Amino acid sequence: MALRFTKLDNRLLRGLRVGDRVTEHSITVECLSSGDLRWSINIMVDGKRIHRVVGRASDGVKRGTAERLIEKLRTDARADRLSLPQGRKLHRSFAQAAEDYIERMESSGGKDMKNKRRHLRQRLVPYLGRDRLDKITGYRLGQYRQHRINEGASEATINREMSTLSHLLNRAASKDWGWMKKDDLPEIPKEKEARKQIRILTVAQRQRLLKAAAEDQDSRAWLFVMFGLNASMRHSEIVQRRYDEVDLENCFIWINKAKAGERQQPITPALRDALARQRKMEADPNGWIFPAARQTCKTPHRPDMREPFARIVKRASLDPKLCTPHIMRHTSISALVMAKTDVPTIQKISGHKTPSQVLHYVHLFGEHVHDALGALNIAMPEQVTQELHTSAE
């Protein structure tokens, strides 16, 4: 049924003065200072406000032009709704998708959920929450990156947030989830990060660290340091280990969850002997190696060992700002490189996803680098002939 207009009648519009404005059925006409009429629309379509200038009367725009535009926008919205997944009346907003994603990932044992929740709820949703999931563009994500840069975030931090976003969008476009089409996936902008300096402990510092750990009041501190220096494992991987995952005879530990997936982690004879000795004293010889110290702990194992490690570092006369638990992993991997271990073997021990991550250590600590520099090595002679540096008279 055609709309009836009583205000936007041509006879009445001819009587408009400069500055006059008339609105009817979401269509507005305004008389400009030049005497020209400007047409605009202001409508709600699928919960989204659309306010758009249609054009001027001098360009041939009339009331019918505005009516046709409104009908087109509503028709497009109806057509768009036909592509909705079964059971949904509206397309998912990014905020809705983020919460659904978190719930699904947590129920299926998703990795690194603490950081994923933080990235989404504290950063991505406040900025992209109202955007429709399948309409997020690379340009929009570029705006988000610039927004985070203006807030002072580093490229590395933004890249971590983009990785979470990328995982969400790819899962949303998967056949299992079916929240959006693969064709609607935007290009995720990522920037090259400046690599951090890799610091390692000297042999003397390692010995001091072990001695300080043995003297600490925490009865598990020495074993944590033994893990760090003998297995090149990550902090989180160490505290989540159980005795029933340890094969003492073949010197390896089964790691069921890690960044690069499950793996068999080789360990040194020294760590094997330490584990065998500690296991004999345990009430549960098949339980957690680092059981929770408090009943209020959310996990049955220690969440981390940062507090005792900080005490150990101070007792060993090392800098707590530079010496974090991860330095033990850097140290053990670098020791393998300096021992001329091949890259695939180092990757198997360290649990890195790709050989390129191991090559970074090779470039820094590989003995071949120092051997190559030997070809360039030339020193100043013991005596410098003064005559060669004297100006000719």
Protein backbone atom coordinates (compact mmCIF):
# COMPACT_ATOMS: atom_id res chain seq x y z
CA MET A 1 0.00 0.00 0.00
CA ALA A 2 1.44 3.37 -1.07
CA LEU A 3 2.23 5.87 1.66
CA ARG A 4 0.13 9.04 1.90
CA PHE A 5 2.10 12.25 2.24
CA THR A 6 0.46 15.37 3.64
CA LYS A 7 3.57 17.41 4.53
CA LEU A 8 5.93 16.54 1.67
CA ASP A 9 3.52 17.78 -0.97
CA ASN A 10 4.99 19.64 -3.94
CA ARG A 11 2.67 22.61 -3.40
CA LEU A 12 3.75 22.95 0.24
CA LEU A 13 7.43 22.40 -0.55
CA ARG A 14 7.45 25.37 -2.90
CA GLY A 15 6.61 27.56 0.09
CA LEU A 16 9.62 26.51 2.20
CA ARG A 17 11.96 29.27 3.33
CA VAL A 18 15.71 29.08 3.99
CA GLY A 19 16.36 26.91 7.05
CA ASP A 20 12.91 25.27 7.04
CA ARG A 21 12.90 21.50 7.47
CA VAL A 22 10.03 19.04 7.04
CA THR A 23 10.04 15.31 7.93
CA GLU A 24 7.45 12.68 7.04
CA HIS A 25 7.67 8.87 6.85
CA SER A 26 11.45 8.95 7.61
CA ILE A 27 12.11 11.35 4.71
CA THR A 28 13.40 14.86 5.41
CA VAL A 29 13.63 17.84 3.10
CA GLU A 30 15.56 20.99 4.05
CA CYS A 31 15.72 24.34 2.34
CA LEU A 32 19.36 25.44 2.02
CA SER A 33 20.70 29.01 1.99
CA SER A 34 20.90 28.81 -1.80
CA GLY A 35 17.18 28.07 -1.95
CA ASP A 36 17.90 24.50 -3.12
CA LEU A 37 16.13 21.56 -1.42
CA ARG A 38 18.19 18.74 0.13
CA TRP A 39 16.57 15.32 0.60
CA SER A 40 17.71 12.80 3.24
CA ILE A 41 16.42 9.64 4.94
CA ASN A 42 16.65 8.35 8.52
CA ILE A 43 15.40 4.76 8.99
CA MET A 44 15.97 1.63 11.10
CA VAL A 45 16.76 -1.57 9.17
CA ASP A 46 17.32 -4.80 11.13
CA GLY A 47 18.17 -2.87 14.27
CA LYS A 48 20.65 -0.61 12.50
CA ARG A 49 20.16 3.13 12.06
CA ILE A 50 20.70 4.39 8.49
CA HIS A 51 20.94 8.17 8.08
CA ARG A 52 21.83 9.15 4.55
CA VAL A 53 21.67 12.22 2.31
CA VAL A 54 19.87 11.31 -0.93
CA GLY A 55 20.69 14.44 -2.91
CA ARG A 56 19.49 17.89 -3.97
CA ALA A 57 16.50 18.99 -6.01
CA SER A 58 18.83 20.77 -8.45
CA ASP A 59 20.34 17.32 -9.23
CA GLY A 60 16.94 15.89 -10.07
CA VAL A 61 16.26 14.30 -6.68
CA LYS A 62 12.58 14.14 -5.69
CA ARG A 63 10.48 12.53 -2.99
CA GLY A 64 10.10 9.43 -5.15
CA THR A 65 13.92 9.07 -5.25
CA ALA A 66 14.03 8.91 -1.44
CA GLU A 67 11.11 6.44 -1.35
CA ARG A 68 12.85 4.11 -3.82
CA LEU A 69 16.09 4.22 -1.79
CA ILE A 70 14.24 3.26 1.40
CA GLU A 71 12.55 0.36 -0.36
CA LYS A 72 15.89 -0.81 -1.78
CA LEU A 73 17.55 -0.80 1.63
CA ARG A 74 14.71 -2.79 3.14
CA THR A 75 14.62 -5.22 0.21
CA ASP A 76 18.36 -5.82 0.51
CA ALA A 77 17.91 -6.47 4.22
CA ARG A 78 15.15 -9.00 3.54
CA ALA A 79 17.31 -10.76 0.96
CA ASP A 80 20.19 -10.78 3.42
CA ARG A 81 18.03 -12.45 6.05
CA LEU A 82 17.43 -15.37 3.69
CA SER A 83 21.09 -16.34 4.18
CA LEU A 84 20.72 -16.51 7.96
CA PRO A 85 21.55 -19.84 9.65
CA GLN A 86 18.51 -21.87 10.64
CA GLY A 87 16.90 -20.67 13.86
CA ARG A 88 18.33 -17.13 13.74
CA LYS A 89 16.29 -13.98 13.08
CA LEU A 90 19.25 -11.59 12.93
CA HIS A 91 22.89 -11.87 11.92
CA ARG A 92 25.43 -12.27 14.73
CA SER A 93 27.14 -9.18 15.99
CA PHE A 94 30.83 -9.52 16.80
CA ALA A 95 30.02 -9.20 20.52
CA GLN A 96 27.59 -12.15 20.34
CA ALA A 97 30.04 -14.20 18.30
CA ALA A 98 32.84 -13.51 20.80
CA GLU A 99 30.83 -14.83 23.75
CA ASP A 100 29.64 -17.87 21.77
CA TYR A 101 33.24 -18.52 20.70
CA ILE A 102 34.54 -18.36 24.28
CA GLU A 103 31.83 -20.74 25.50
CA ARG A 104 32.50 -23.27 22.73
CA MET A 105 36.27 -23.16 23.09
CA GLU A 106 36.14 -23.55 26.88
CA SER A 107 33.77 -26.51 26.64
CA SER A 108 36.07 -28.25 24.14
CA GLY A 109 39.33 -27.56 26.01
CA GLY A 110 40.60 -24.68 23.86
CA LYS A 111 44.20 -23.55 24.30
CA ASP A 112 45.35 -20.28 25.87
CA MET A 113 41.80 -19.30 26.85
CA LYS A 114 42.94 -16.84 29.52
CA ASN A 115 44.57 -14.62 26.92
CA LYS A 116 41.80 -15.18 24.35
CA ARG A 117 39.16 -14.02 26.85
CA ARG A 118 41.25 -10.95 27.72
CA HIS A 119 41.86 -10.04 24.06
CA LEU A 120 38.17 -10.32 23.19
CA ARG A 121 36.45 -8.83 26.23
CA GLN A 122 38.90 -6.05 27.04
CA ARG A 123 40.07 -5.01 23.56
CA LEU A 124 38.27 -6.37 20.50
CA VAL A 125 34.64 -6.37 21.64
CA PRO A 126 34.65 -2.76 22.98
CA TYR A 127 35.80 -1.61 19.53
CA LEU A 128 34.14 -4.11 17.13
CA GLY A 129 31.27 -5.39 19.25
CA ARG A 130 28.42 -3.73 17.29
CA ASP A 131 29.82 -4.70 13.89
CA ARG A 132 28.11 -7.56 12.09
CA LEU A 133 30.37 -10.59 12.19
CA ASP A 134 30.29 -11.29 8.45
CA LYS A 135 30.71 -7.62 7.49
CA ILE A 136 34.02 -6.92 9.26
CA THR A 137 36.52 -5.74 6.63
CA GLY A 138 40.28 -5.50 6.42
CA TYR A 139 39.90 -1.73 6.39
CA ARG A 140 37.94 -1.87 9.65
CA LEU A 141 40.64 -4.02 11.23
CA GLY A 142 43.25 -1.53 10.03
CA GLN A 143 41.33 1.14 11.93
CA TYR A 144 41.41 -1.07 15.02
CA ARG A 145 45.18 -1.51 14.71
CA GLN A 146 45.67 2.25 14.47
CA HIS A 147 43.37 2.74 17.45
CA ARG A 148 45.51 0.36 19.54
CA ILE A 149 48.73 2.03 18.38
CA ASN A 150 47.31 5.39 19.51
CA GLU A 151 46.64 3.79 22.91
CA GLY A 152 50.34 2.88 23.15
CA ALA A 153 50.10 -0.86 22.42
CA SER A 154 53.16 -2.53 20.86
CA GLU A 155 53.10 -4.32 17.50
CA ALA A 156 53.63 -7.64 19.32
CA THR A 157 50.63 -7.03 21.59
CA ILE A 158 48.37 -6.09 18.66
CA ASN A 159 49.53 -9.14 16.70
CA ARG A 160 48.51 -11.40 19.61
CA GLU A 161 45.05 -9.79 19.59
CA MET A 162 44.82 -10.24 15.82
CA SER A 163 45.74 -13.91 16.20
CA THR A 164 42.80 -14.39 18.57
CA LEU A 165 40.53 -12.58 16.13
CA SER A 166 41.83 -14.69 13.24
CA HIS A 167 41.12 -17.92 15.13
CA LEU A 168 37.58 -16.76 15.98
CA LEU A 169 36.79 -15.82 12.37
CA ASN A 170 38.22 -19.03 10.93
CA ARG A 171 36.23 -21.14 13.37
CA ALA A 172 33.11 -19.06 12.56
CA ALA A 173 33.60 -19.81 8.85
CA SER A 174 34.28 -23.52 9.41
CA LYS A 175 31.83 -26.16 8.21
CA ASP A 176 31.12 -27.25 11.79
CA TRP A 177 30.14 -23.79 13.05
CA GLY A 178 28.74 -22.20 9.89
CA TRP A 179 28.31 -18.71 11.32
CA MET A 180 29.57 -17.00 8.17
CA LYS A 181 30.81 -17.77 4.67
CA LYS A 182 34.51 -18.26 3.91
CA ASP A 183 34.20 -15.58 1.23
CA ASP A 184 33.37 -13.06 3.98
CA LEU A 185 36.64 -13.63 5.86
CA PRO A 186 38.61 -10.35 5.94
CA GLU A 187 42.35 -10.03 5.51
CA ILE A 188 43.92 -9.81 8.98
CA PRO A 189 46.57 -7.05 9.09
CA LYS A 190 49.71 -8.13 10.96
CA GLU A 191 52.96 -6.25 11.30
CA LYS A 192 56.50 -7.56 11.65
CA GLU A 193 57.62 -7.51 15.26
CA ALA A 194 60.99 -6.40 16.57
CA ARG A 195 62.64 -9.46 18.10
CA LYS A 196 63.53 -9.26 21.76
CA GLN A 197 67.09 -9.83 22.84
CA ILE A 198 67.65 -13.42 23.96
CA ARG A 199 69.51 -13.60 27.26
CA ILE A 200 71.11 -16.80 28.55
CA LEU A 201 72.75 -17.89 31.79
CA THR A 202 76.42 -18.74 32.02
CA VAL A 203 77.53 -22.07 33.50
CA ALA A 204 78.43 -20.34 36.76
CA GLN A 205 75.05 -18.59 36.93
CA ARG A 206 73.26 -21.91 36.34
CA GLN A 207 75.14 -23.48 39.24
CA ARG A 208 74.27 -20.53 41.49
CA LEU A 209 70.62 -20.80 40.47
CA LEU A 210 70.52 -24.52 41.32
CA LYS A 211 72.24 -23.95 44.68
CA ALA A 212 69.80 -21.13 45.56
CA ALA A 213 66.84 -23.34 44.56
CA ALA A 214 68.04 -26.14 46.85
CA GLU A 215 68.15 -23.66 49.76
CA ASP A 216 64.66 -22.21 49.14
CA GLN A 217 61.83 -22.88 51.57
CA ASP A 218 59.63 -24.19 48.75
CA SER A 219 60.29 -27.92 48.53
CA ARG A 220 59.49 -27.99 44.79
CA ALA A 221 61.67 -25.01 43.77
CA TRP A 222 64.79 -27.09 43.06
CA LEU A 223 62.80 -29.50 40.87
CA PHE A 224 61.32 -26.59 38.87
CA VAL A 225 64.83 -25.27 38.13
CA MET A 226 66.00 -28.78 37.21
CA PHE A 227 63.13 -28.99 34.70
CA GLY A 228 63.92 -25.57 33.26
CA LEU A 229 67.62 -26.21 32.73
CA ASN A 230 67.42 -29.87 31.68
CA ALA A 231 64.34 -30.08 29.45
CA SER A 232 63.97 -26.64 27.77
CA MET A 233 60.22 -26.82 28.53
CA ARG A 234 57.93 -23.82 28.87
CA HIS A 235 56.87 -22.62 32.33
CA SER A 236 53.24 -23.71 31.87
CA GLU A 237 54.29 -27.12 30.50
CA ILE A 238 56.43 -27.83 33.57
CA VAL A 239 53.81 -27.12 36.25
CA GLN A 240 51.16 -29.20 34.45
CA ARG A 241 53.14 -32.45 34.46
CA ARG A 242 52.20 -35.69 36.26
CA TYR A 243 54.35 -38.64 37.32
CA ASP A 244 52.25 -41.05 35.25
CA GLU A 245 53.38 -39.12 32.14
CA VAL A 246 57.07 -39.80 32.89
CA ASP A 247 58.92 -42.72 31.28
CA LEU A 248 62.01 -43.00 33.51
CA GLU A 249 63.44 -45.94 31.60
CA ASN A 250 63.46 -44.17 28.21
CA CYS A 251 64.00 -40.63 29.54
CA PHE A 252 61.00 -38.80 28.18
CA ILE A 253 57.78 -37.12 29.37
CA TRP A 254 54.50 -37.19 27.45
CA ILE A 255 53.07 -33.68 27.00
CA ASN A 256 49.43 -33.83 25.93
CA LYS A 257 48.82 -30.09 25.56
CA ALA A 258 51.33 -27.59 24.19
CA LYS A 259 51.59 -24.76 21.67
CA ALA A 260 52.75 -27.08 18.90
CA GLY A 261 50.47 -29.95 19.95
CA GLU A 262 51.17 -33.12 21.90
CA ARG A 263 54.72 -34.49 21.94
CA GLN A 264 57.23 -36.75 23.64
CA GLN A 265 59.61 -34.50 25.57
CA PRO A 266 63.14 -35.92 25.98
CA ILE A 267 64.77 -35.30 29.39
CA THR A 268 68.35 -35.60 30.65
CA PRO A 269 69.54 -38.39 32.95
CA ALA A 270 70.02 -35.75 35.67
CA LEU A 271 66.36 -34.75 35.53
CA ARG A 272 65.29 -38.39 35.33
CA ASP A 273 67.22 -39.20 38.52
CA ALA A 274 65.78 -36.13 40.27
CA LEU A 275 62.24 -37.18 39.36
CA ALA A 276 62.83 -40.76 40.47
CA ARG A 277 64.16 -39.54 43.83
CA GLN A 278 61.23 -37.15 44.39
CA ARG A 279 58.66 -39.73 43.30
CA LYS A 280 59.69 -42.11 46.10
CA MET A 281 58.73 -39.45 48.64
CA GLU A 282 55.31 -38.68 47.15
CA ALA A 283 52.01 -39.76 48.75
CA ASP A 284 50.66 -40.23 45.20
CA PRO A 285 53.47 -41.60 42.99
CA ASN A 286 51.28 -41.18 39.88
CA GLY A 287 49.91 -37.72 40.69
CA TRP A 288 50.94 -34.15 40.01
CA ILE A 289 54.65 -33.32 40.16
CA PHE A 290 53.78 -29.78 41.26
CA PRO A 291 50.51 -30.26 43.19
CA ALA A 292 48.51 -27.20 44.27
CA ALA A 293 49.93 -25.71 47.46
CA ARG A 294 46.53 -24.35 48.63
CA GLN A 295 43.06 -25.84 48.74
CA THR A 296 41.66 -22.63 47.24
CA CYS A 297 43.71 -23.10 44.05
CA LYS A 298 41.53 -23.32 40.92
CA THR A 299 43.66 -26.12 39.43
CA PRO A 300 44.93 -29.37 41.01
CA HIS A 301 48.48 -28.30 40.13
CA ARG A 302 50.47 -25.13 40.74
CA PRO A 303 49.35 -22.37 38.35
CA ASP A 304 52.94 -21.06 38.17
CA MET A 305 56.26 -20.90 40.05
CA ARG A 306 57.02 -17.19 39.63
CA GLU A 307 57.09 -16.33 43.34
CA PRO A 308 59.65 -18.95 44.46
CA PHE A 309 61.69 -18.38 41.29
CA ALA A 310 61.95 -14.65 42.06
CA ARG A 311 63.34 -15.51 45.52
CA ILE A 312 65.83 -17.94 43.98
CA VAL A 313 67.04 -15.35 41.48
CA LYS A 314 67.69 -12.78 44.23
CA ARG A 315 69.50 -15.37 46.36
CA ALA A 316 71.67 -16.24 43.34
CA SER A 317 72.59 -12.51 42.96
CA LEU A 318 70.88 -12.23 39.58
CA ASP A 319 68.60 -9.46 38.26
CA PRO A 320 64.88 -10.44 38.70
CA LYS A 321 63.90 -8.07 35.85
CA LEU A 322 66.12 -9.92 33.37
CA CYS A 323 66.07 -13.41 34.86
CA THR A 324 62.54 -14.84 34.49
CA PRO A 325 61.64 -18.56 34.31
CA HIS A 326 61.75 -18.35 30.50
CA ILE A 327 65.49 -17.58 30.61
CA MET A 328 66.08 -21.24 31.53
CA ARG A 329 64.39 -22.31 28.28
CA HIS A 330 66.51 -19.85 26.29
CA THR A 331 69.63 -21.11 28.04
CA SER A 332 69.00 -24.81 27.40
CA ILE A 333 68.12 -24.28 23.71
CA SER A 334 71.20 -22.09 23.24
CA ALA A 335 73.32 -24.81 24.88
CA LEU A 336 72.05 -27.31 22.30
CA VAL A 337 72.95 -24.89 19.48
CA MET A 338 76.45 -24.33 20.86
CA ALA A 339 76.88 -28.10 21.05
CA LYS A 340 76.26 -28.15 17.26
CA THR A 341 73.00 -30.13 17.57
CA ASP A 342 71.08 -30.24 14.28
CA VAL A 343 67.94 -28.10 13.94
CA PRO A 344 65.35 -30.96 13.69
CA THR A 345 66.68 -32.49 16.93
CA ILE A 346 66.57 -29.13 18.74
CA GLN A 347 63.00 -28.62 17.49
CA LYS A 348 61.99 -32.03 18.86
CA ILE A 349 63.45 -31.18 22.27
CA SER A 350 62.24 -27.56 22.45
CA GLY A 351 58.74 -28.20 21.08
CA HIS A 352 58.84 -25.29 18.62
CA LYS A 353 56.22 -25.30 15.87
CA THR A 354 58.57 -24.50 13.00
CA PRO A 355 62.33 -24.81 12.29
CA SER A 356 62.48 -21.05 11.64
CA GLN A 357 61.89 -20.41 15.35
CA VAL A 358 64.89 -22.57 16.20
CA LEU A 359 67.03 -20.89 13.53
CA HIS A 360 66.79 -17.63 15.47
CA TYR A 361 68.89 -19.26 18.20
CA VAL A 362 71.26 -20.69 15.60
CA HIS A 363 71.85 -17.24 14.12
CA LEU A 364 72.64 -15.82 17.55
CA PHE A 365 74.60 -18.60 19.20
CA GLY A 366 75.74 -20.89 16.38
CA GLU A 367 79.48 -21.62 16.57
CA HIS A 368 79.72 -21.38 12.77
CA VAL A 369 79.09 -17.64 13.11
CA HIS A 370 82.16 -17.22 15.30
CA ASP A 371 84.16 -19.54 13.00
CA ALA A 372 83.23 -17.36 10.03
CA LEU A 373 84.31 -14.21 11.86
CA GLY A 374 87.71 -15.80 12.34
CA ALA A 375 88.38 -15.26 8.63
CA LEU A 376 87.92 -11.51 9.15
CA ASN A 377 89.95 -11.30 12.36
CA ILE A 378 92.97 -9.01 12.04
CA ALA A 379 94.54 -7.08 14.93
CA MET A 380 96.60 -3.91 15.13
CA PRO A 381 100.38 -4.49 15.03
CA GLU A 382 102.20 -4.06 18.32
CA GLN A 383 104.10 -1.00 17.02
CA VAL A 384 102.76 1.70 14.74
CA THR A 385 105.30 3.44 12.50
CA GLN A 386 105.00 7.10 13.41
CA GLU A 387 106.42 8.30 10.09
CA LEU A 388 103.36 7.02 8.22
CA HIS A 389 101.12 9.34 10.28
CA THR A 390 103.32 12.45 9.93
CA SER A 391 102.40 15.08 7.31
CA ALA A 392 105.02 15.62 4.64
CA GLU A 393 106.80 18.99 4.93
